[in-house]
Amino acid sequence: MARPDKAAAVAELADEFRESNGAVLTEYRGLSVAALNELRRGLGQTARFRIVKNTLTKIAVKDAEIDEEVSDLLEGPSAIAFVHGDVVEAAKGLRDFSKQNSALVIKGGIIDGKTMNADQITKLAELESREVLLSKMAGALKSKQGQAAAVFQALPLKAARLAKALEEKKSSEEAA
């Protein structure tokens, strides 16, 4: 029979997996408590970094029905960054911290229901922020609207010039 505290921990982990936008699994071997606290501050409000027990986490991922994707990553000392917001921002925080502290190793994760390896998470971290991407898209749409307006404005002008040229040609032919 499972102890109530362990059953509660498994249920809490399973809920985190279900409710989060993503979960990035890491290995934290060799990091001090101060370094882990610095990492948690660096992740901000979008992610919650938890050190987990592999056996309880394996049970939780079965309950959350994602065991095939995550179970292979649960070896060694594991910690999970549960993302409840912008996944790119959290991936950047983890990547930047792992550059400064080689003890933090990104193993992989699951983002929006899709399994990602460490390289894919690093590529995700290289994306620009959501706000920058949205502003680039808005700029591209605005420039396309300007180009379309120029095309629509050019058509009547060209027709008017053509009519004027034909009129001048006709009048010069009549004069001759």
C-alpha atoms as a PDB file:
ATOM      1  CA  MET A   1       0.000   0.000   0.000  1.00  0.00           C
ATOM      2  CA  ALA A   2       1.361   3.393  -1.004  1.00  0.00           C
ATOM      3  CA  ARG A   3       2.014   5.977   1.645  1.00  0.00           C
ATOM      4  CA  PRO A   4      -0.390   8.927   1.513  1.00  0.00           C
ATOM      5  CA  ASP A   5       2.412  11.508   1.108  1.00  0.00           C
ATOM      6  CA  LYS A   6       3.877   9.638  -1.868  1.00  0.00           C
ATOM      7  CA  ALA A   7       0.443   9.201  -3.452  1.00  0.00           C
ATOM      8  CA  ALA A   8      -0.164  12.944  -3.053  1.00  0.00           C
ATOM      9  CA  ALA A   9       3.230  13.720  -4.619  1.00  0.00           C
ATOM     10  CA  VAL A  10       2.451  11.459  -7.597  1.00  0.00           C
ATOM     11  CA  ALA A  11      -0.972  13.067  -8.062  1.00  0.00           C
ATOM     12  CA  GLU A  12       0.558  16.547  -7.890  1.00  0.00           C
ATOM     13  CA  LEU A  13       3.215  15.661 -10.469  1.00  0.00           C
ATOM     14  CA  ALA A  14       0.623  14.101 -12.792  1.00  0.00           C
ATOM     15  CA  ASP A  15      -1.488  17.275 -12.539  1.00  0.00           C
ATOM     16  CA  GLU A  16       1.576  19.418 -13.321  1.00  0.00           C
ATOM     17  CA  PHE A  17       2.254  17.348 -16.441  1.00  0.00           C
ATOM     18  CA  ARG A  18      -1.369  17.633 -17.589  1.00  0.00           C
ATOM     19  CA  GLU A  19      -1.809  21.346 -16.887  1.00  0.00           C
ATOM     20  CA  SER A  20       1.546  22.718 -18.033  1.00  0.00           C
ATOM     21  CA  ASN A  21       2.353  23.951 -21.534  1.00  0.00           C
ATOM     22  CA  GLY A  22       5.601  22.052 -21.364  1.00  0.00           C
ATOM     23  CA  ALA A  23       7.978  20.151 -19.139  1.00  0.00           C
ATOM     24  CA  VAL A  24      11.733  20.249 -19.626  1.00  0.00           C
ATOM     25  CA  LEU A  25      13.690  17.495 -17.899  1.00  0.00           C
ATOM     26  CA  THR A  26      17.172  18.291 -16.669  1.00  0.00           C
ATOM     27  CA  GLU A  27      19.985  16.737 -14.688  1.00  0.00           C
ATOM     28  CA  TYR A  28      21.199  18.936 -11.861  1.00  0.00           C
ATOM     29  CA  ARG A  29      24.091  16.864 -10.450  1.00  0.00           C
ATOM     30  CA  GLY A  30      26.661  19.134  -8.825  1.00  0.00           C
ATOM     31  CA  LEU A  31      24.539  22.259  -8.469  1.00  0.00           C
ATOM     32  CA  SER A  32      24.399  23.943  -5.102  1.00  0.00           C
ATOM     33  CA  VAL A  33      21.208  25.105  -3.443  1.00  0.00           C
ATOM     34  CA  ALA A  34      22.217  28.708  -4.156  1.00  0.00           C
ATOM     35  CA  ALA A  35      22.665  27.908  -7.858  1.00  0.00           C
ATOM     36  CA  LEU A  36      19.271  26.181  -7.982  1.00  0.00           C
ATOM     37  CA  ASN A  37      17.651  29.217  -6.365  1.00  0.00           C
ATOM     38  CA  GLU A  38      19.355  31.450  -8.946  1.00  0.00           C
ATOM     39  CA  LEU A  39      17.956  29.221 -11.698  1.00  0.00           C
ATOM     40  CA  ARG A  40      14.462  29.444 -10.232  1.00  0.00           C
ATOM     41  CA  ARG A  41      14.709  33.244 -10.133  1.00  0.00           C
ATOM     42  CA  GLY A  42      16.000  33.276 -13.716  1.00  0.00           C
ATOM     43  CA  LEU A  43      13.026  31.273 -14.949  1.00  0.00           C
ATOM     44  CA  GLY A  44      10.655  33.857 -13.517  1.00  0.00           C
ATOM     45  CA  GLN A  45       6.926  33.359 -13.237  1.00  0.00           C
ATOM     46  CA  THR A  46       6.515  31.283 -16.394  1.00  0.00           C
ATOM     47  CA  ALA A  47       8.151  28.109 -15.092  1.00  0.00           C
ATOM     48  CA  ARG A  48       8.343  26.124 -11.891  1.00  0.00           C
ATOM     49  CA  PHE A  49      11.584  24.157 -11.392  1.00  0.00           C
ATOM     50  CA  ARG A  50      11.179  21.047  -9.232  1.00  0.00           C
ATOM     51  CA  ILE A  51      13.600  18.373  -8.165  1.00  0.00           C
ATOM     52  CA  VAL A  52      11.788  15.060  -8.479  1.00  0.00           C
ATOM     53  CA  LYS A  53      12.241  11.434  -7.557  1.00  0.00           C
ATOM     54  CA  ASN A  54      12.437   9.253 -10.649  1.00  0.00           C
ATOM     55  CA  THR A  55      10.301   6.422  -9.289  1.00  0.00           C
ATOM     56  CA  LEU A  56       7.457   8.746  -8.318  1.00  0.00           C
ATOM     57  CA  THR A  57       7.776  10.661 -11.585  1.00  0.00           C
ATOM     58  CA  LYS A  58       7.574   7.461 -13.622  1.00  0.00           C
ATOM     59  CA  ILE A  59       4.284   6.650 -11.900  1.00  0.00           C
ATOM     60  CA  ALA A  60       3.061  10.229 -12.467  1.00  0.00           C
ATOM     61  CA  VAL A  61       3.846  10.177 -16.197  1.00  0.00           C
ATOM     62  CA  LYS A  62       1.916   6.914 -16.510  1.00  0.00           C
ATOM     63  CA  ASP A  63      -1.037   8.593 -14.810  1.00  0.00           C
ATOM     64  CA  ALA A  64      -0.690  11.590 -17.162  1.00  0.00           C
ATOM     65  CA  GLU A  65      -0.444   9.167 -20.112  1.00  0.00           C
ATOM     66  CA  ILE A  66       2.885  10.479 -21.393  1.00  0.00           C
ATOM     67  CA  ASP A  67       5.106   7.686 -20.077  1.00  0.00           C
ATOM     68  CA  GLU A  68       6.407   6.657 -23.510  1.00  0.00           C
ATOM     69  CA  GLU A  69       7.799  10.131 -24.157  1.00  0.00           C
ATOM     70  CA  VAL A  70       9.322  10.881 -20.759  1.00  0.00           C
ATOM     71  CA  SER A  71      10.280   7.618 -19.045  1.00  0.00           C
ATOM     72  CA  ASP A  72      13.537   7.249 -20.981  1.00  0.00           C
ATOM     73  CA  LEU A  73      14.729  10.631 -19.711  1.00  0.00           C
ATOM     74  CA  LEU A  74      14.251   9.751 -16.046  1.00  0.00           C
ATOM     75  CA  GLU A  75      17.704   8.486 -15.182  1.00  0.00           C
ATOM     76  CA  GLY A  76      20.113  10.035 -12.734  1.00  0.00           C
ATOM     77  CA  PRO A  77      19.231  13.016 -10.571  1.00  0.00           C
ATOM     78  CA  SER A  78      16.293  14.636 -12.315  1.00  0.00           C
ATOM     79  CA  ALA A  79      14.611  17.985 -12.094  1.00  0.00           C
ATOM     80  CA  ILE A  80      11.736  19.257 -14.192  1.00  0.00           C
ATOM     81  CA  ALA A  81      10.883  22.781 -15.279  1.00  0.00           C
ATOM     82  CA  PHE A  82       7.094  22.880 -15.629  1.00  0.00           C
ATOM     83  CA  VAL A  83       6.213  25.758 -17.959  1.00  0.00           C
ATOM     84  CA  HIS A  84       2.936  27.612 -17.477  1.00  0.00           C
ATOM     85  CA  GLY A  85       3.285  30.336 -20.072  1.00  0.00           C
ATOM     86  CA  ASP A  86       5.809  31.183 -22.769  1.00  0.00           C
ATOM     87  CA  VAL A  87       7.786  28.011 -23.459  1.00  0.00           C
ATOM     88  CA  VAL A  88      10.458  29.879 -25.411  1.00  0.00           C
ATOM     89  CA  GLU A  89      11.201  32.161 -22.480  1.00  0.00           C
ATOM     90  CA  ALA A  90      11.628  29.204 -20.126  1.00  0.00           C
ATOM     91  CA  ALA A  91      13.830  27.373 -22.647  1.00  0.00           C
ATOM     92  CA  LYS A  92      16.008  30.483 -22.929  1.00  0.00           C
ATOM     93  CA  GLY A  93      16.331  30.674 -19.163  1.00  0.00           C
ATOM     94  CA  LEU A  94      17.398  27.043 -18.936  1.00  0.00           C
ATOM     95  CA  ARG A  95      19.808  27.368 -21.874  1.00  0.00           C
ATOM     96  CA  ASP A  96      21.426  30.515 -20.480  1.00  0.00           C
ATOM     97  CA  PHE A  97      21.820  28.972 -17.052  1.00  0.00           C
ATOM     98  CA  SER A  98      23.302  25.767 -18.482  1.00  0.00           C
ATOM     99  CA  LYS A  99      25.868  27.868 -20.390  1.00  0.00           C
ATOM    100  CA  GLN A 100      26.989  29.439 -17.128  1.00  0.00           C
ATOM    101  CA  ASN A 101      26.750  26.211 -15.096  1.00  0.00           C
ATOM    102  CA  SER A 102      27.776  23.100 -16.973  1.00  0.00           C
ATOM    103  CA  ALA A 103      26.336  20.982 -14.147  1.00  0.00           C
ATOM    104  CA  LEU A 104      22.820  21.641 -15.461  1.00  0.00           C
ATOM    105  CA  VAL A 105      22.189  19.315 -18.405  1.00  0.00           C
ATOM    106  CA  ILE A 106      19.003  19.576 -20.454  1.00  0.00           C
ATOM    107  CA  LYS A 107      17.843  16.024 -21.219  1.00  0.00           C
ATOM    108  CA  GLY A 108      14.735  16.751 -23.241  1.00  0.00           C
ATOM    109  CA  GLY A 109      11.098  17.287 -22.570  1.00  0.00           C
ATOM    110  CA  ILE A 110       7.568  17.452 -23.759  1.00  0.00           C
ATOM    111  CA  ILE A 111       6.184  20.699 -25.124  1.00  0.00           C
ATOM    112  CA  ASP A 112       2.521  21.060 -26.073  1.00  0.00           C
ATOM    113  CA  GLY A 113       2.189  17.277 -26.200  1.00  0.00           C
ATOM    114  CA  LYS A 114       5.215  16.754 -28.458  1.00  0.00           C
ATOM    115  CA  THR A 115       8.422  15.085 -27.362  1.00  0.00           C
ATOM    116  CA  MET A 116      11.577  17.130 -27.837  1.00  0.00           C
ATOM    117  CA  ASN A 117      15.206  16.175 -27.349  1.00  0.00           C
ATOM    118  CA  ALA A 118      17.851  18.470 -25.883  1.00  0.00           C
ATOM    119  CA  ASP A 119      18.891  19.851 -29.286  1.00  0.00           C
ATOM    120  CA  GLN A 120      15.325  20.749 -30.195  1.00  0.00           C
ATOM    121  CA  ILE A 121      14.847  22.558 -26.888  1.00  0.00           C
ATOM    122  CA  THR A 122      18.066  24.496 -27.512  1.00  0.00           C
ATOM    123  CA  LYS A 123      16.787  25.466 -30.973  1.00  0.00           C
ATOM    124  CA  LEU A 124      13.511  26.527 -29.379  1.00  0.00           C
ATOM    125  CA  ALA A 125      15.500  28.743 -27.010  1.00  0.00           C
ATOM    126  CA  GLU A 126      17.143  30.438 -30.001  1.00  0.00           C
ATOM    127  CA  LEU A 127      13.766  31.700 -31.239  1.00  0.00           C
ATOM    128  CA  GLU A 128      12.999  35.329 -30.679  1.00  0.00           C
ATOM    129  CA  SER A 129      10.418  36.219 -28.072  1.00  0.00           C
ATOM    130  CA  ARG A 130       6.716  36.099 -28.848  1.00  0.00           C
ATOM    131  CA  GLU A 131       6.446  39.880 -28.855  1.00  0.00           C
ATOM    132  CA  VAL A 132       9.291  40.260 -31.384  1.00  0.00           C
ATOM    133  CA  LEU A 133       7.810  37.610 -33.676  1.00  0.00           C
ATOM    134  CA  LEU A 134       4.371  39.255 -33.489  1.00  0.00           C
ATOM    135  CA  SER A 135       5.825  42.682 -34.275  1.00  0.00           C
ATOM    136  CA  LYS A 136       7.749  41.255 -37.251  1.00  0.00           C
ATOM    137  CA  MET A 137       4.560  39.661 -38.526  1.00  0.00           C
ATOM    138  CA  ALA A 138       2.647  42.929 -38.095  1.00  0.00           C
ATOM    139  CA  GLY A 139       5.387  44.791 -39.971  1.00  0.00           C
ATOM    140  CA  ALA A 140       5.299  42.274 -42.805  1.00  0.00           C
ATOM    141  CA  LEU A 141       1.511  42.554 -43.047  1.00  0.00           C
ATOM    142  CA  LYS A 142       1.713  46.345 -43.021  1.00  0.00           C
ATOM    143  CA  SER A 143       4.308  46.384 -45.798  1.00  0.00           C
ATOM    144  CA  LYS A 144       2.183  44.037 -47.908  1.00  0.00           C
ATOM    145  CA  GLN A 145      -0.792  46.365 -47.445  1.00  0.00           C
ATOM    146  CA  GLY A 146       1.347  49.301 -48.561  1.00  0.00           C
ATOM    147  CA  GLN A 147       2.488  47.383 -51.630  1.00  0.00           C
ATOM    148  CA  ALA A 148      -1.101  46.456 -52.481  1.00  0.00           C
ATOM    149  CA  ALA A 149      -2.200  50.088 -52.074  1.00  0.00           C
ATOM    150  CA  ALA A 150       0.602  51.217 -54.399  1.00  0.00           C
ATOM    151  CA  VAL A 151      -0.485  48.668 -57.030  1.00  0.00           C
ATOM    152  CA  PHE A 152      -4.129  49.714 -56.795  1.00  0.00           C
ATOM    153  CA  GLN A 153      -3.162  53.381 -57.011  1.00  0.00           C
ATOM    154  CA  ALA A 154      -0.833  52.778 -59.983  1.00  0.00           C
ATOM    155  CA  LEU A 155      -3.528  51.178 -62.145  1.00  0.00           C
ATOM    156  CA  PRO A 156      -5.761  54.285 -62.511  1.00  0.00           C
ATOM    157  CA  LEU A 157      -2.705  56.524 -62.957  1.00  0.00           C
ATOM    158  CA  LYS A 158      -1.382  54.349 -65.774  1.00  0.00           C
ATOM    159  CA  ALA A 159      -4.809  54.304 -67.419  1.00  0.00           C
ATOM    160  CA  ALA A 160      -5.016  58.109 -67.185  1.00  0.00           C
ATOM    161  CA  ARG A 161      -1.520  58.509 -68.683  1.00  0.00           C
ATOM    162  CA  LEU A 162      -2.406  56.104 -71.494  1.00  0.00           C
ATOM    163  CA  ALA A 163      -5.585  58.024 -72.267  1.00  0.00           C
ATOM    164  CA  LYS A 164      -3.669  61.328 -72.295  1.00  0.00           C
ATOM    165  CA  ALA A 165      -0.977  59.862 -74.588  1.00  0.00           C
ATOM    166  CA  LEU A 166      -3.627  58.533 -76.978  1.00  0.00           C
ATOM    167  CA  GLU A 167      -5.363  61.900 -76.979  1.00  0.00           C
ATOM    168  CA  GLU A 168      -2.091  63.727 -77.729  1.00  0.00           C
ATOM    169  CA  LYS A 169      -1.285  61.237 -80.509  1.00  0.00           C
ATOM    170  CA  LYS A 170      -4.727  61.649 -82.032  1.00  0.00           C
ATOM    171  CA  SER A 171      -4.514  65.455 -81.903  1.00  0.00           C
ATOM    172  CA  SER A 172      -1.035  65.429 -83.483  1.00  0.00           C
ATOM    173  CA  GLU A 173      -2.291  63.131 -86.253  1.00  0.00           C
ATOM    174  CA  GLU A 174      -5.233  65.435 -86.927  1.00  0.00           C
ATOM    175  CA  ALA A 175      -2.939  68.469 -87.068  1.00  0.00           C
ATOM    176  CA  ALA A 176      -0.699  66.746 -89.600  1.00  0.00           C
END
